[in-house]
Each structure stands twice: as C-alpha cells, then as structure tokens.
Amino acid sequence: MIYPHGPIETIADDVFMVRGSIRMNRLLRISRNMGIIREGKALTLINPIRLNASGEQSLRELGEVKNLLRLGAFHGIDDPYYKRNFNAQFWSQPGGTTYPEPPIDASLGVDLPLPVEDSELFEFVGTKHPESALLLRRDGGILFSCDAIQHYGDYSYNNLAARLLMPRIGFPKTTIIGPFWLKLMTPEGGSLKTEFERLLNLQFDKLLSAHGTLLEESAHGAVQAAVQRTFAETGNEG
C-alpha cells in the first residue's frame, strides 16, 4: 500500500530523506520517514517506506537500492516490496515478530559489519523486542532512530484526527521518547533509563526518526532533555 509522501529531500552530502505516512486504523494516519544514504551508486534505505511511481523513479535516478535497514521491531511493512522488486540485502536485528518477512540476509549487531561506512549501530539492551539506532559520523553526526526517539517540529503528514490527538496522547511538538514504545518495550519492573543514558554517549547533531520531522541541529541536547523529562515525570523509571 502506498500512502501520501513528499519528494526525496537532501539532509547532507549523499544523505537524504522522504517524509511520508501510514494509516494506523480507519481514523488515524500518522507521519513516517525514510532515510537514504548513498555511497557511490549504492543506496541504503533506513526504515524503508514504499513510494509512488514518480517517487520510485526519483529513487532509481538517485542510485541503486542495495541495502534495507530495519531499525525497529514494529516497522517493516514495506520491506518485502523492496526485497522483491530491488533484490536488496535486508539487514535487521533477529527476534522481531511483528513483520517476519522478508528473511534476514544480514543480522544487525554492535559487533557485526554494517553496509554503510563511517557508521555505528546502537543496540538497545534489555528491551522486550529488538530496537536499534544508526549513527552516521558525518556533518557532526546524524542519528537515525525508529520509534524509541522521535521529534515533532510539526504534524504534517498526520491527518486531521491525528493532529488533534497527538499532543493529548504524549506526542507534543518537541523531541520525545516514544511513550507507547516505552510501555511496550520496558520489562515488567524494569527500566530503560540507563539505555538512553548510554545512547547519549554518542555524538550527533541531527536526528531523523521513523516518525515526526527532521531535527536539523542541536539534536543531542534535545534528546538529553527528552530523557531527563521522561524519566523524571512522577518518578517514572520505565
């Protein structure tokens, strides 16, 4: 299924994004983003989303889709399409059950090779389902996340119902730790606070999550504030 999306936009040299959307149910359509890294003619898609005919043509003109990176266990609806139509290599952490297809070609892990140079994988430890983030060491550092960390500069690509609901259910226009993600990922009686503190050891200035908008600068400070705010609220250690 193809949902409304925008054109391919440049983030940095040979780094791009597409802002798009996905329908969650009959009432809500929310934003969704795809990152693209180009090395030579090879393209790596991060949190892939399917494009319309003109968007796909622009993608082909940009380079050759070689790799698909799934960073979160709750994403992956469009991965089989790219695997089938582009014969791209599929990279993911093992253990995800939401979207079991396609089969993993190369496992993601902190001690395993990555398809992108000058990059580093951050793997959340102790979550109930696999989740990771990718740091690209360019332009002061670009952090690609999935659901764990999100930024909302606006509510574009959300439909009207979602725009009205978002600030009321924990998605204000700022940088956040995904509230539903945190609830689903935190083991009973456990905490993921130290995982986010560990992530803050990474150096990055830009943030592109799978939802929301691109944070073009000062992303590290924004994520730090989100972590402090999330785990300080009512003594929340989740």
Protein backbone atom coordinates (compact mmCIF):
# COMPACT_ATOMS: atom_id res chain seq x y z
CA MET A 1 0.00 0.00 0.00
CA ILE A 2 1.30 3.46 -0.95
CA TYR A 3 0.45 6.30 1.43
CA PRO A 4 0.89 10.06 0.90
CA HIS A 5 4.50 11.19 0.95
CA GLY A 6 6.73 14.01 -0.22
CA PRO A 7 9.77 14.16 -2.52
CA ILE A 8 13.29 12.99 -1.75
CA GLU A 9 14.97 15.75 0.27
CA THR A 10 18.67 16.31 0.95
CA ILE A 11 19.82 16.19 4.59
CA ALA A 12 23.58 16.30 3.99
CA ASP A 13 26.02 15.30 1.26
CA ASP A 14 24.78 11.94 -0.04
CA VAL A 15 22.22 11.68 2.75
CA PHE A 16 18.51 12.06 2.01
CA MET A 17 15.07 11.57 3.47
CA VAL A 18 11.47 11.07 2.43
CA ARG A 19 8.64 12.29 4.63
CA GLY A 20 5.61 10.09 4.34
CA SER A 21 2.76 8.50 6.26
CA ILE A 22 0.98 5.30 7.19
CA ARG A 23 -2.61 4.57 8.17
CA MET A 24 -2.83 3.08 11.65
CA ASN A 25 -6.58 2.41 11.56
CA ARG A 26 -9.75 3.77 9.96
CA LEU A 27 -9.38 7.10 11.78
CA LEU A 28 -5.67 7.84 12.08
CA ARG A 29 -2.92 8.41 9.53
CA ILE A 30 0.42 9.34 11.08
CA SER A 31 3.78 10.51 9.75
CA ARG A 32 6.55 8.14 8.73
CA ASN A 33 10.08 8.84 7.48
CA MET A 34 12.69 7.01 5.43
CA GLY A 35 16.39 7.80 5.49
CA ILE A 36 18.63 7.22 2.45
CA ILE A 37 22.43 7.03 2.46
CA ARG A 38 24.31 6.98 -0.84
CA GLU A 39 27.83 5.61 -1.27
CA GLY A 40 28.94 5.76 -4.88
CA LYS A 41 25.86 4.50 -6.69
CA ALA A 42 24.70 2.23 -3.85
CA LEU A 43 21.71 3.29 -1.75
CA THR A 44 20.92 2.12 1.77
CA LEU A 45 17.32 2.69 2.86
CA ILE A 46 16.69 3.17 6.58
CA ASN A 47 13.17 2.42 7.83
CA PRO A 48 12.00 1.88 4.22
CA ILE A 49 8.68 3.25 3.00
CA ARG A 50 7.14 2.48 -0.35
CA LEU A 51 6.96 5.35 -2.85
CA ASN A 52 4.57 6.21 -5.66
CA ALA A 53 5.65 5.85 -9.29
CA SER A 54 7.30 9.26 -9.57
CA GLY A 55 8.97 8.89 -6.18
CA GLU A 56 10.31 5.48 -7.08
CA GLN A 57 11.65 6.85 -10.36
CA SER A 58 13.46 9.59 -8.43
CA LEU A 59 14.89 6.93 -6.13
CA ARG A 60 16.20 4.95 -9.11
CA GLU A 61 17.75 8.11 -10.54
CA LEU A 62 19.44 8.73 -7.19
CA GLY A 63 21.24 5.38 -7.27
CA GLU A 64 20.79 1.63 -6.94
CA VAL A 65 18.96 0.30 -3.88
CA LYS A 66 21.37 -2.20 -2.35
CA ASN A 67 20.51 -2.38 1.35
CA LEU A 68 17.43 -2.18 3.57
CA LEU A 69 17.88 -1.40 7.28
CA ARG A 70 15.08 -2.13 9.72
CA LEU A 71 15.88 -0.38 13.00
CA GLY A 72 12.71 -1.19 14.96
CA ALA A 73 10.73 -4.34 15.61
CA PHE A 74 7.37 -2.65 14.99
CA HIS A 75 8.33 -1.48 11.47
CA GLY A 76 8.78 -3.41 8.25
CA ILE A 77 5.54 -3.40 6.29
CA ASP A 78 7.29 -2.24 3.08
CA ASP A 79 10.48 -4.28 3.40
CA PRO A 80 9.17 -7.25 1.37
CA TYR A 81 8.32 -4.93 -1.54
CA TYR A 82 11.87 -3.58 -1.76
CA LYS A 83 13.37 -7.02 -1.31
CA ARG A 84 11.19 -8.43 -4.08
CA ASN A 85 11.47 -5.56 -6.58
CA PHE A 86 15.02 -4.35 -5.97
CA ASN A 87 16.67 -7.59 -4.77
CA ALA A 88 18.24 -5.56 -1.97
CA GLN A 89 20.03 -7.08 1.01
CA PHE A 90 17.87 -6.98 4.12
CA TRP A 91 19.51 -6.04 7.42
CA SER A 92 17.74 -6.37 10.76
CA GLN A 93 18.19 -7.46 14.34
CA PRO A 94 16.94 -11.02 14.79
CA GLY A 95 13.97 -11.73 17.02
CA GLY A 96 11.32 -9.38 15.65
CA THR A 97 7.87 -10.93 15.33
CA THR A 98 5.64 -8.10 14.04
CA TYR A 99 6.82 -8.42 10.43
CA PRO A 100 8.57 -11.79 9.96
CA GLU A 101 9.17 -11.19 6.24
CA PRO A 102 11.48 -10.96 4.44
CA PRO A 103 14.04 -13.35 5.92
CA ILE A 104 17.09 -11.54 7.28
CA ASP A 105 20.09 -11.57 4.93
CA ALA A 106 22.49 -9.92 7.38
CA SER A 107 21.93 -9.55 11.11
CA LEU A 108 22.42 -6.18 12.77
CA GLY A 109 24.51 -6.15 15.93
CA VAL A 110 27.13 -3.98 17.61
CA ASP A 111 29.97 -6.34 16.72
CA LEU A 112 28.77 -7.12 13.19
CA PRO A 113 29.60 -5.38 9.90
CA LEU A 114 27.38 -2.57 8.62
CA PRO A 115 26.62 -1.72 4.99
CA VAL A 116 27.47 1.97 5.49
CA GLU A 117 30.94 3.40 6.09
CA ASP A 118 31.57 5.81 8.98
CA SER A 119 28.63 4.41 10.88
CA GLU A 120 27.93 2.79 14.24
CA LEU A 121 24.99 0.72 15.44
CA PHE A 122 23.48 1.39 18.85
CA GLU A 123 21.56 -1.63 20.10
CA PHE A 124 19.12 -1.24 22.97
CA VAL A 125 19.75 -3.89 25.59
CA GLY A 126 17.03 -5.29 27.82
CA THR A 127 14.05 -4.30 25.67
CA LYS A 128 11.22 -6.77 25.18
CA HIS A 129 11.64 -6.52 21.40
CA PRO A 130 14.65 -5.61 19.22
CA GLU A 131 15.37 -1.91 18.65
CA SER A 132 18.44 -0.06 17.43
CA ALA A 133 19.63 3.28 16.10
CA LEU A 134 22.25 4.10 13.49
CA LEU A 135 24.85 6.84 13.93
CA LEU A 136 26.34 8.23 10.73
CA ARG A 137 29.55 10.09 11.53
CA ARG A 138 29.07 12.93 9.06
CA ASP A 139 28.11 16.59 9.45
CA GLY A 140 28.57 16.47 13.21
CA GLY A 141 26.76 13.15 13.42
CA ILE A 142 23.35 12.09 12.11
CA LEU A 143 21.33 9.76 14.32
CA PHE A 144 18.69 7.59 12.63
CA SER A 145 16.16 6.14 15.06
CA CYS A 146 12.93 4.23 14.74
CA ASP A 147 10.28 4.51 17.48
CA ALA A 148 12.42 4.99 20.59
CA ILE A 149 13.31 8.64 19.94
CA GLN A 150 11.05 10.91 17.89
CA HIS A 151 10.97 14.60 17.05
CA TYR A 152 7.95 16.67 16.06
CA GLY A 153 8.52 20.11 14.61
CA ASP A 154 5.07 19.97 13.04
CA TYR A 155 2.28 17.47 12.41
CA SER A 156 2.45 17.37 8.63
CA TYR A 157 1.56 14.01 7.05
CA ASN A 158 -0.72 13.31 10.01
CA ASN A 159 -4.39 13.56 9.08
CA LEU A 160 -6.68 15.94 10.96
CA ALA A 161 -7.75 13.37 13.55
CA ALA A 162 -4.13 12.52 14.34
CA ARG A 163 -3.11 16.20 14.52
CA LEU A 164 -5.80 16.82 17.11
CA LEU A 165 -4.95 13.70 19.09
CA MET A 166 -1.14 13.73 19.05
CA PRO A 167 -0.47 16.34 21.77
CA ARG A 168 -3.08 14.71 24.02
CA ILE A 169 -1.52 11.24 23.95
CA GLY A 170 2.10 12.12 24.57
CA PHE A 171 3.35 13.41 21.21
CA PRO A 172 3.82 17.20 21.64
CA LYS A 173 5.82 19.31 19.20
CA THR A 174 9.25 18.58 20.64
CA THR A 175 11.77 15.76 20.94
CA ILE A 176 10.37 12.80 22.88
CA ILE A 177 10.94 9.25 23.98
CA GLY A 178 8.11 7.39 22.26
CA PRO A 179 5.55 6.83 25.05
CA PHE A 180 3.83 3.79 23.53
CA TRP A 181 7.21 2.35 22.53
CA LEU A 182 8.48 2.77 26.10
CA LYS A 183 5.46 1.00 27.54
CA LEU A 184 5.70 -1.91 25.10
CA MET A 185 9.47 -2.28 25.40
CA THR A 186 10.10 -1.98 29.14
CA PRO A 187 10.21 -5.30 31.02
CA GLU A 188 7.86 -5.53 33.99
CA GLY A 189 9.53 -3.93 36.98
CA GLY A 190 12.47 -2.80 34.82
CA SER A 191 13.79 0.46 33.42
CA LEU A 192 15.35 1.61 30.16
CA LYS A 193 16.74 4.81 31.62
CA THR A 194 20.34 3.59 31.54
CA GLU A 195 19.98 2.59 27.90
CA PHE A 196 19.13 6.15 26.91
CA GLU A 197 21.94 7.47 29.07
CA ARG A 198 24.25 5.09 27.23
CA LEU A 199 22.94 6.33 23.88
CA LEU A 200 23.83 9.87 24.91
CA ASN A 201 27.50 8.86 24.78
CA LEU A 202 27.11 9.07 21.00
CA GLN A 203 27.90 12.39 19.35
CA PHE A 204 25.26 13.67 16.91
CA ASP A 205 23.80 16.98 15.81
CA LYS A 206 20.94 15.83 13.55
CA LEU A 207 18.12 13.38 14.26
CA LEU A 208 15.84 11.60 11.81
CA SER A 209 13.38 9.22 13.40
CA ALA A 210 10.86 6.98 11.69
CA HIS A 211 8.09 9.40 12.74
CA GLY A 212 7.80 13.16 13.00
CA THR A 213 10.21 15.62 11.41
CA LEU A 214 13.93 16.05 10.88
CA LEU A 215 15.76 17.82 13.71
CA GLU A 216 18.47 19.65 11.80
CA GLU A 217 20.68 20.83 14.66
CA SER A 218 21.29 20.54 18.41
CA ALA A 219 19.73 17.08 18.43
CA HIS A 220 21.98 15.71 21.18
CA GLY A 221 20.81 18.35 23.65
CA ALA A 222 17.19 17.80 22.63
CA VAL A 223 17.43 14.06 23.20
CA GLN A 224 19.16 14.62 26.54
CA ALA A 225 16.31 16.89 27.63
CA ALA A 226 13.75 14.30 26.48
CA VAL A 227 15.46 11.58 28.51
CA GLN A 228 15.59 13.75 31.63
CA ARG A 229 11.97 14.78 31.23
CA THR A 230 10.67 11.27 30.57
CA PHE A 231 12.37 9.56 33.47
CA ALA A 232 11.75 12.40 35.92
CA GLU A 233 7.99 12.50 35.45
CA THR A 234 6.28 11.11 38.55
CA GLY A 235 9.40 9.10 39.31
CA ASN A 236 8.97 7.18 36.05
CA GLU A 237 11.76 4.65 35.64
CA GLY A 238 10.15 2.84 32.75
